[in-house]
Amino acid sequence: MIVRPAGADDVPVLAAIAEQSYRAAFAGILEPDVLAGRDEAFFVERFTSSWKHMLVACSGERPVGFLLMTDGHIDMLFMDPVASGSGGGSLLLEAAEQQGARSLECFRDNHGARRFYERHGWQVEREYDRDFAGKSRSFVLYVKG
């Protein structure tokens, strides 16, 4: 498994990974209509302008996960559900930390992600509610170092 910077050509495959991962991770947190709106086209649009801020985890040549970071804040870290547990997420997180990652946010009820971040030394700074997809949701802000 390797981590490399994303390229514009990665956008379609990363969008497909995002759609699959998003639905797998948030099926018990978000409503079906919200999940349906986060389809491949949604992520292609988002990544078209942000791929320069992304790292990609690859198994051989095949992307299996990615991380999006802006200004030291990790916006997204998703692994293809088939590649979950393969170490790619840890490599992405370590690479982001080396590039200055200092904070990230996740749903309070995303227990798998919370265990992952806490295993890697991230600490809860605060819990709060904010609007997401037209509804108040509970989040946790994590900080490192």
N, C-alpha and C. Protein backbone atom coordinates (compact mmCIF):
# COMPACT_ATOMS: atom_id res chain seq x y z
N MET A 1 0.86 -1.18 0.00
CA MET A 1 0.00 0.00 0.00
C MET A 1 0.90 1.23 0.00
N ILE A 2 0.58 2.17 -0.88
CA ILE A 2 1.31 3.43 -0.94
C ILE A 2 0.33 4.59 -0.85
N VAL A 3 0.86 5.76 -0.49
CA VAL A 3 0.08 7.00 -0.49
C VAL A 3 0.78 7.96 -1.44
N ARG A 4 -0.03 8.59 -2.28
CA ARG A 4 0.51 9.55 -3.25
C ARG A 4 -0.46 10.72 -3.38
N PRO A 5 0.02 11.84 -3.93
CA PRO A 5 -0.90 12.96 -4.19
C PRO A 5 -1.91 12.56 -5.26
N ALA A 6 -3.09 13.12 -5.19
CA ALA A 6 -4.12 12.86 -6.20
C ALA A 6 -3.81 13.65 -7.46
N GLY A 7 -4.31 13.16 -8.56
CA GLY A 7 -4.26 13.86 -9.83
C GLY A 7 -5.66 14.06 -10.35
N ALA A 8 -5.83 14.95 -11.31
CA ALA A 8 -7.16 15.21 -11.87
C ALA A 8 -7.79 13.94 -12.43
N ASP A 9 -6.98 13.04 -12.97
CA ASP A 9 -7.51 11.80 -13.54
C ASP A 9 -8.07 10.87 -12.47
N ASP A 10 -7.74 11.10 -11.20
CA ASP A 10 -8.25 10.26 -10.11
C ASP A 10 -9.69 10.60 -9.73
N VAL A 11 -10.17 11.77 -10.11
CA VAL A 11 -11.47 12.25 -9.62
C VAL A 11 -12.60 11.24 -9.80
N PRO A 12 -12.80 10.64 -10.98
CA PRO A 12 -13.93 9.71 -11.12
C PRO A 12 -13.84 8.50 -10.18
N VAL A 13 -12.68 7.90 -10.05
CA VAL A 13 -12.56 6.72 -9.19
C VAL A 13 -12.69 7.11 -7.72
N LEU A 14 -12.17 8.26 -7.33
CA LEU A 14 -12.31 8.72 -5.94
C LEU A 14 -13.76 9.06 -5.63
N ALA A 15 -14.48 9.59 -6.61
CA ALA A 15 -15.91 9.88 -6.41
C ALA A 15 -16.69 8.58 -6.19
N ALA A 16 -16.33 7.53 -6.92
CA ALA A 16 -16.99 6.24 -6.74
C ALA A 16 -16.69 5.67 -5.36
N ILE A 17 -15.45 5.78 -4.92
CA ILE A 17 -15.08 5.33 -3.58
C ILE A 17 -15.84 6.13 -2.53
N ALA A 18 -15.92 7.44 -2.73
CA ALA A 18 -16.63 8.30 -1.78
C ALA A 18 -18.09 7.90 -1.66
N GLU A 19 -18.75 7.67 -2.79
CA GLU A 19 -20.16 7.29 -2.74
C GLU A 19 -20.36 5.99 -1.95
N GLN A 20 -19.57 4.98 -2.27
CA GLN A 20 -19.70 3.69 -1.59
C GLN A 20 -19.39 3.81 -0.10
N SER A 21 -18.32 4.49 0.22
CA SER A 21 -17.89 4.62 1.61
C SER A 21 -18.87 5.46 2.42
N TYR A 22 -19.34 6.53 1.81
CA TYR A 22 -20.29 7.43 2.48
C TYR A 22 -21.54 6.66 2.89
N ARG A 23 -22.07 5.90 1.94
CA ARG A 23 -23.29 5.13 2.22
C ARG A 23 -23.05 4.05 3.27
N ALA A 24 -21.89 3.40 3.21
CA ALA A 24 -21.58 2.36 4.19
C ALA A 24 -21.39 2.96 5.58
N ALA A 25 -20.68 4.08 5.66
CA ALA A 25 -20.35 4.68 6.96
C ALA A 25 -21.54 5.36 7.62
N PHE A 26 -22.41 5.95 6.82
CA PHE A 26 -23.45 6.80 7.40
C PHE A 26 -24.87 6.25 7.26
N ALA A 27 -25.01 4.99 6.87
CA ALA A 27 -26.34 4.40 6.69
C ALA A 27 -27.18 4.48 7.96
N GLY A 28 -26.55 4.36 9.12
CA GLY A 28 -27.30 4.43 10.37
C GLY A 28 -27.36 5.82 10.97
N ILE A 29 -26.77 6.80 10.28
CA ILE A 29 -26.70 8.16 10.82
C ILE A 29 -27.56 9.13 10.01
N LEU A 30 -27.53 9.00 8.69
CA LEU A 30 -28.24 9.92 7.81
C LEU A 30 -29.44 9.24 7.16
N GLU A 31 -30.42 10.05 6.80
CA GLU A 31 -31.63 9.55 6.17
C GLU A 31 -31.33 9.08 4.75
N PRO A 32 -32.14 8.13 4.22
CA PRO A 32 -31.92 7.61 2.87
C PRO A 32 -31.89 8.69 1.78
N ASP A 33 -32.72 9.73 1.90
CA ASP A 33 -32.71 10.77 0.86
C ASP A 33 -31.42 11.59 0.89
N VAL A 34 -30.85 11.78 2.08
CA VAL A 34 -29.57 12.49 2.17
C VAL A 34 -28.47 11.63 1.54
N LEU A 35 -28.46 10.35 1.87
CA LEU A 35 -27.47 9.43 1.30
C LEU A 35 -27.60 9.37 -0.23
N ALA A 36 -28.82 9.35 -0.72
CA ALA A 36 -29.04 9.28 -2.17
C ALA A 36 -28.49 10.51 -2.88
N GLY A 37 -28.52 11.65 -2.22
CA GLY A 37 -28.00 12.87 -2.81
C GLY A 37 -26.49 12.94 -2.86
N ARG A 38 -25.85 12.09 -2.08
CA ARG A 38 -24.38 12.04 -2.08
C ARG A 38 -23.94 10.92 -3.03
N ASP A 39 -24.26 11.12 -4.31
CA ASP A 39 -23.92 10.11 -5.30
C ASP A 39 -22.59 10.46 -5.98
N GLU A 40 -22.22 9.64 -6.92
CA GLU A 40 -20.94 9.83 -7.61
C GLU A 40 -20.84 11.21 -8.24
N ALA A 41 -21.91 11.68 -8.87
CA ALA A 41 -21.90 13.01 -9.51
C ALA A 41 -21.67 14.12 -8.48
N PHE A 42 -22.27 13.99 -7.30
CA PHE A 42 -22.07 14.96 -6.23
C PHE A 42 -20.58 15.06 -5.89
N PHE A 43 -19.93 13.91 -5.73
CA PHE A 43 -18.52 13.91 -5.35
C PHE A 43 -17.62 14.33 -6.50
N VAL A 44 -17.95 13.98 -7.74
CA VAL A 44 -17.16 14.46 -8.88
C VAL A 44 -17.14 15.98 -8.87
N GLU A 45 -18.30 16.59 -8.67
CA GLU A 45 -18.37 18.05 -8.64
C GLU A 45 -17.51 18.61 -7.50
N ARG A 46 -17.60 18.00 -6.35
CA ARG A 46 -16.82 18.48 -5.20
C ARG A 46 -15.31 18.31 -5.44
N PHE A 47 -14.92 17.17 -5.98
CA PHE A 47 -13.49 16.88 -6.13
C PHE A 47 -12.85 17.58 -7.33
N THR A 48 -13.63 18.01 -8.29
CA THR A 48 -13.08 18.69 -9.47
C THR A 48 -12.32 19.93 -9.06
N SER A 49 -12.76 20.59 -8.01
CA SER A 49 -12.08 21.80 -7.56
C SER A 49 -11.16 21.56 -6.36
N SER A 50 -11.15 20.35 -5.81
CA SER A 50 -10.36 20.14 -4.59
C SER A 50 -9.34 19.00 -4.67
N TRP A 51 -9.20 18.37 -5.84
CA TRP A 51 -8.30 17.21 -5.93
C TRP A 51 -6.86 17.56 -5.57
N LYS A 52 -6.47 18.80 -5.71
CA LYS A 52 -5.09 19.20 -5.38
C LYS A 52 -4.81 19.12 -3.89
N HIS A 53 -5.87 18.98 -3.09
CA HIS A 53 -5.74 18.89 -1.63
C HIS A 53 -5.96 17.46 -1.14
N MET A 54 -5.84 16.51 -2.07
CA MET A 54 -6.16 15.12 -1.73
C MET A 54 -4.92 14.22 -1.80
N LEU A 55 -4.92 13.24 -0.92
CA LEU A 55 -3.95 12.15 -0.96
C LEU A 55 -4.72 10.88 -1.29
N VAL A 56 -4.06 9.96 -1.99
CA VAL A 56 -4.70 8.73 -2.42
C VAL A 56 -3.91 7.53 -1.89
N ALA A 57 -4.63 6.58 -1.30
CA ALA A 57 -4.03 5.30 -0.91
C ALA A 57 -4.24 4.33 -2.06
N CYS A 58 -3.17 3.66 -2.47
CA CYS A 58 -3.25 2.73 -3.60
C CYS A 58 -2.75 1.35 -3.19
N SER A 59 -3.46 0.36 -3.68
CA SER A 59 -3.02 -1.02 -3.59
C SER A 59 -2.52 -1.36 -4.98
N GLY A 60 -1.21 -1.45 -5.13
CA GLY A 60 -0.64 -1.51 -6.48
C GLY A 60 -0.89 -0.18 -7.14
N GLU A 61 -1.51 -0.20 -8.31
CA GLU A 61 -1.86 1.04 -9.02
C GLU A 61 -3.28 1.49 -8.72
N ARG A 62 -4.07 0.66 -8.06
CA ARG A 62 -5.51 0.91 -7.88
C ARG A 62 -5.78 1.76 -6.64
N PRO A 63 -6.40 2.95 -6.81
CA PRO A 63 -6.81 3.73 -5.64
C PRO A 63 -7.85 2.97 -4.83
N VAL A 64 -7.64 2.94 -3.51
CA VAL A 64 -8.57 2.25 -2.61
C VAL A 64 -9.05 3.17 -1.49
N GLY A 65 -8.58 4.40 -1.46
CA GLY A 65 -8.99 5.34 -0.44
C GLY A 65 -8.40 6.71 -0.71
N PHE A 66 -8.89 7.68 0.05
CA PHE A 66 -8.37 9.04 -0.14
C PHE A 66 -8.61 9.87 1.13
N LEU A 67 -7.90 10.96 1.19
CA LEU A 67 -8.03 11.94 2.26
C LEU A 67 -8.03 13.31 1.62
N LEU A 68 -8.94 14.17 2.05
CA LEU A 68 -9.02 15.56 1.60
C LEU A 68 -8.73 16.45 2.78
N MET A 69 -7.74 17.34 2.64
CA MET A 69 -7.34 18.23 3.73
C MET A 69 -7.17 19.64 3.21
N THR A 70 -7.74 20.61 3.95
CA THR A 70 -7.53 22.02 3.63
C THR A 70 -7.14 22.76 4.90
N ASP A 71 -6.10 23.54 4.79
CA ASP A 71 -5.64 24.39 5.89
C ASP A 71 -5.47 23.62 7.20
N GLY A 72 -4.90 22.42 7.12
CA GLY A 72 -4.63 21.64 8.32
C GLY A 72 -5.84 20.93 8.90
N HIS A 73 -6.98 21.01 8.21
CA HIS A 73 -8.20 20.34 8.68
C HIS A 73 -8.53 19.20 7.72
N ILE A 74 -8.69 18.00 8.26
CA ILE A 74 -9.06 16.85 7.44
C ILE A 74 -10.57 16.92 7.19
N ASP A 75 -10.94 17.11 5.93
CA ASP A 75 -12.34 17.22 5.55
C ASP A 75 -12.98 15.85 5.33
N MET A 76 -12.22 14.93 4.78
CA MET A 76 -12.73 13.59 4.48
C MET A 76 -11.58 12.59 4.53
N LEU A 77 -11.88 11.41 5.01
CA LEU A 77 -10.98 10.27 4.89
C LEU A 77 -11.89 9.07 4.66
N PHE A 78 -11.84 8.53 3.45
CA PHE A 78 -12.68 7.40 3.08
C PHE A 78 -11.85 6.31 2.44
N MET A 79 -12.16 5.08 2.82
CA MET A 79 -11.58 3.91 2.19
C MET A 79 -12.69 3.15 1.48
N ASP A 80 -12.35 2.54 0.36
CA ASP A 80 -13.28 1.62 -0.29
C ASP A 80 -13.65 0.57 0.75
N PRO A 81 -14.94 0.31 0.96
CA PRO A 81 -15.32 -0.67 1.98
C PRO A 81 -14.62 -2.02 1.82
N VAL A 82 -14.32 -2.42 0.60
CA VAL A 82 -13.62 -3.69 0.36
C VAL A 82 -12.19 -3.63 0.91
N ALA A 83 -11.58 -2.45 0.93
CA ALA A 83 -10.20 -2.29 1.38
C ALA A 83 -10.10 -1.85 2.84
N SER A 84 -11.23 -1.69 3.49
CA SER A 84 -11.22 -1.28 4.90
C SER A 84 -10.44 -2.29 5.74
N GLY A 85 -9.62 -1.77 6.63
CA GLY A 85 -8.81 -2.64 7.49
C GLY A 85 -7.49 -3.07 6.87
N SER A 86 -7.18 -2.56 5.69
CA SER A 86 -5.95 -2.96 5.00
C SER A 86 -4.75 -2.08 5.34
N GLY A 87 -4.95 -1.06 6.16
CA GLY A 87 -3.86 -0.17 6.54
C GLY A 87 -3.79 1.12 5.76
N GLY A 88 -4.57 1.24 4.71
CA GLY A 88 -4.54 2.45 3.89
C GLY A 88 -5.00 3.68 4.64
N GLY A 89 -6.02 3.54 5.46
CA GLY A 89 -6.51 4.68 6.23
C GLY A 89 -5.46 5.20 7.19
N SER A 90 -4.75 4.29 7.83
CA SER A 90 -3.67 4.69 8.74
C SER A 90 -2.56 5.40 7.99
N LEU A 91 -2.21 4.89 6.81
CA LEU A 91 -1.17 5.55 6.02
C LEU A 91 -1.61 6.94 5.58
N LEU A 92 -2.86 7.08 5.18
CA LEU A 92 -3.37 8.40 4.79
C LEU A 92 -3.33 9.37 5.96
N LEU A 93 -3.76 8.90 7.13
CA LEU A 93 -3.78 9.76 8.31
C LEU A 93 -2.37 10.17 8.70
N GLU A 94 -1.43 9.25 8.68
CA GLU A 94 -0.03 9.56 8.99
C GLU A 94 0.54 10.58 8.01
N ALA A 95 0.24 10.40 6.72
CA ALA A 95 0.74 11.35 5.71
C ALA A 95 0.15 12.74 5.94
N ALA A 96 -1.14 12.79 6.28
CA ALA A 96 -1.77 14.09 6.56
C ALA A 96 -1.15 14.75 7.78
N GLU A 97 -0.87 13.96 8.81
CA GLU A 97 -0.23 14.51 10.01
C GLU A 97 1.14 15.08 9.66
N GLN A 98 1.88 14.39 8.81
CA GLN A 98 3.20 14.89 8.38
C GLN A 98 3.08 16.19 7.59
N GLN A 99 1.92 16.39 6.95
CA GLN A 99 1.69 17.62 6.19
C GLN A 99 0.98 18.68 7.02
N GLY A 100 0.86 18.46 8.32
CA GLY A 100 0.33 19.49 9.21
C GLY A 100 -1.12 19.36 9.63
N ALA A 101 -1.73 18.19 9.45
CA ALA A 101 -3.12 18.02 9.90
C ALA A 101 -3.21 18.28 11.39
N ARG A 102 -4.18 19.12 11.78
CA ARG A 102 -4.35 19.48 13.18
C ARG A 102 -5.75 19.23 13.71
N SER A 103 -6.74 19.11 12.80
CA SER A 103 -8.12 18.94 13.26
C SER A 103 -8.91 18.13 12.24
N LEU A 104 -10.01 17.59 12.74
CA LEU A 104 -10.97 16.89 11.89
C LEU A 104 -12.30 16.83 12.63
N GLU A 105 -13.34 16.63 11.87
CA GLU A 105 -14.68 16.57 12.44
C GLU A 105 -15.32 15.27 11.99
N CYS A 106 -16.07 14.65 12.89
CA CYS A 106 -16.86 13.49 12.47
C CYS A 106 -18.18 13.48 13.22
N PHE A 107 -19.13 12.73 12.66
CA PHE A 107 -20.41 12.58 13.34
C PHE A 107 -20.18 11.95 14.70
N ARG A 108 -20.86 12.44 15.71
CA ARG A 108 -20.72 11.89 17.05
C ARG A 108 -21.02 10.39 17.08
N ASP A 109 -21.98 9.96 16.28
CA ASP A 109 -22.39 8.56 16.30
C ASP A 109 -21.63 7.68 15.31
N ASN A 110 -20.58 8.19 14.70
CA ASN A 110 -19.75 7.38 13.80
C ASN A 110 -18.68 6.70 14.65
N HIS A 111 -19.09 5.68 15.37
CA HIS A 111 -18.23 5.04 16.36
C HIS A 111 -16.99 4.38 15.76
N GLY A 112 -17.12 3.81 14.57
CA GLY A 112 -15.95 3.20 13.93
C GLY A 112 -14.87 4.22 13.64
N ALA A 113 -15.27 5.36 13.08
CA ALA A 113 -14.30 6.42 12.78
C ALA A 113 -13.70 6.97 14.06
N ARG A 114 -14.53 7.13 15.07
CA ARG A 114 -14.02 7.67 16.34
C ARG A 114 -12.98 6.74 16.95
N ARG A 115 -13.24 5.45 16.94
CA ARG A 115 -12.23 4.50 17.46
C ARG A 115 -10.94 4.58 16.65
N PHE A 116 -11.07 4.69 15.33
CA PHE A 116 -9.90 4.79 14.45
C PHE A 116 -9.06 6.02 14.81
N TYR A 117 -9.69 7.18 14.90
CA TYR A 117 -8.94 8.40 15.20
C TYR A 117 -8.33 8.36 16.60
N GLU A 118 -9.06 7.87 17.56
CA GLU A 118 -8.54 7.80 18.93
C GLU A 118 -7.38 6.82 19.03
N ARG A 119 -7.42 5.72 18.28
CA ARG A 119 -6.27 4.79 18.25
C ARG A 119 -5.02 5.46 17.72
N HIS A 120 -5.21 6.47 16.88
CA HIS A 120 -4.08 7.19 16.29
C HIS A 120 -3.72 8.45 17.07
N GLY A 121 -4.23 8.57 18.28
CA GLY A 121 -3.80 9.66 19.15
C GLY A 121 -4.56 10.96 19.02
N TRP A 122 -5.65 10.98 18.27
CA TRP A 122 -6.47 12.18 18.16
C TRP A 122 -7.35 12.28 19.40
N GLN A 123 -7.56 13.51 19.84
CA GLN A 123 -8.32 13.74 21.08
C GLN A 123 -9.52 14.63 20.82
N VAL A 124 -10.62 14.33 21.51
CA VAL A 124 -11.83 15.14 21.39
C VAL A 124 -11.57 16.51 22.01
N GLU A 125 -11.80 17.54 21.23
CA GLU A 125 -11.72 18.90 21.77
C GLU A 125 -13.09 19.35 22.25
N ARG A 126 -14.13 19.02 21.45
CA ARG A 126 -15.48 19.39 21.88
C ARG A 126 -16.51 18.64 21.04
N GLU A 127 -17.71 18.54 21.62
CA GLU A 127 -18.88 18.02 20.92
C GLU A 127 -19.84 19.18 20.72
N TYR A 128 -20.58 19.17 19.61
CA TYR A 128 -21.48 20.26 19.30
C TYR A 128 -22.50 19.81 18.26
N ASP A 129 -23.54 20.59 18.11
CA ASP A 129 -24.53 20.37 17.07
C ASP A 129 -24.40 21.48 16.04
N ARG A 130 -24.63 21.11 14.79
CA ARG A 130 -24.66 22.09 13.70
C ARG A 130 -25.54 21.55 12.59
N ASP A 131 -25.94 22.44 11.70
CA ASP A 131 -26.77 22.04 10.58
C ASP A 131 -25.95 21.24 9.57
N PHE A 132 -26.51 20.16 9.12
CA PHE A 132 -25.92 19.36 8.05
C PHE A 132 -27.08 18.74 7.28
N ALA A 133 -27.13 19.01 5.99
CA ALA A 133 -28.17 18.47 5.12
C ALA A 133 -29.57 18.82 5.65
N GLY A 134 -29.72 20.06 6.12
CA GLY A 134 -31.02 20.57 6.51
C GLY A 134 -31.54 20.13 7.86
N LYS A 135 -30.66 19.58 8.67
CA LYS A 135 -31.08 19.11 9.99
C LYS A 135 -29.94 19.29 10.99
N SER A 136 -30.28 19.56 12.23
CA SER A 136 -29.25 19.67 13.27
C SER A 136 -28.68 18.28 13.55
N ARG A 137 -27.35 18.18 13.52
CA ARG A 137 -26.65 16.91 13.74
C ARG A 137 -25.58 17.11 14.79
N SER A 138 -25.25 16.03 15.48
CA SER A 138 -24.21 16.07 16.51
C SER A 138 -22.87 15.66 15.92
N PHE A 139 -21.85 16.48 16.22
CA PHE A 139 -20.50 16.26 15.71
C PHE A 139 -19.50 16.27 16.87
N VAL A 140 -18.30 15.79 16.53
CA VAL A 140 -17.17 15.82 17.46
C VAL A 140 -16.00 16.44 16.69
N LEU A 141 -15.32 17.39 17.32
CA LEU A 141 -14.11 17.96 16.75
C LEU A 141 -12.91 17.31 17.43
N TYR A 142 -12.06 16.74 16.61
CA TYR A 142 -10.83 16.10 17.11
C TYR A 142 -9.63 17.00 16.78
N VAL A 143 -8.65 16.97 17.65
CA VAL A 143 -7.39 17.70 17.42
C VAL A 143 -6.23 16.74 17.66
N LYS A 144 -5.12 17.09 17.06
CA LYS A 144 -3.90 16.30 17.21
C LYS A 144 -2.76 17.24 17.59
N GLY A 145 -2.04 16.84 18.59
CA GLY A 145 -0.84 17.57 18.99
C GLY A 145 -1.11 18.95 19.44
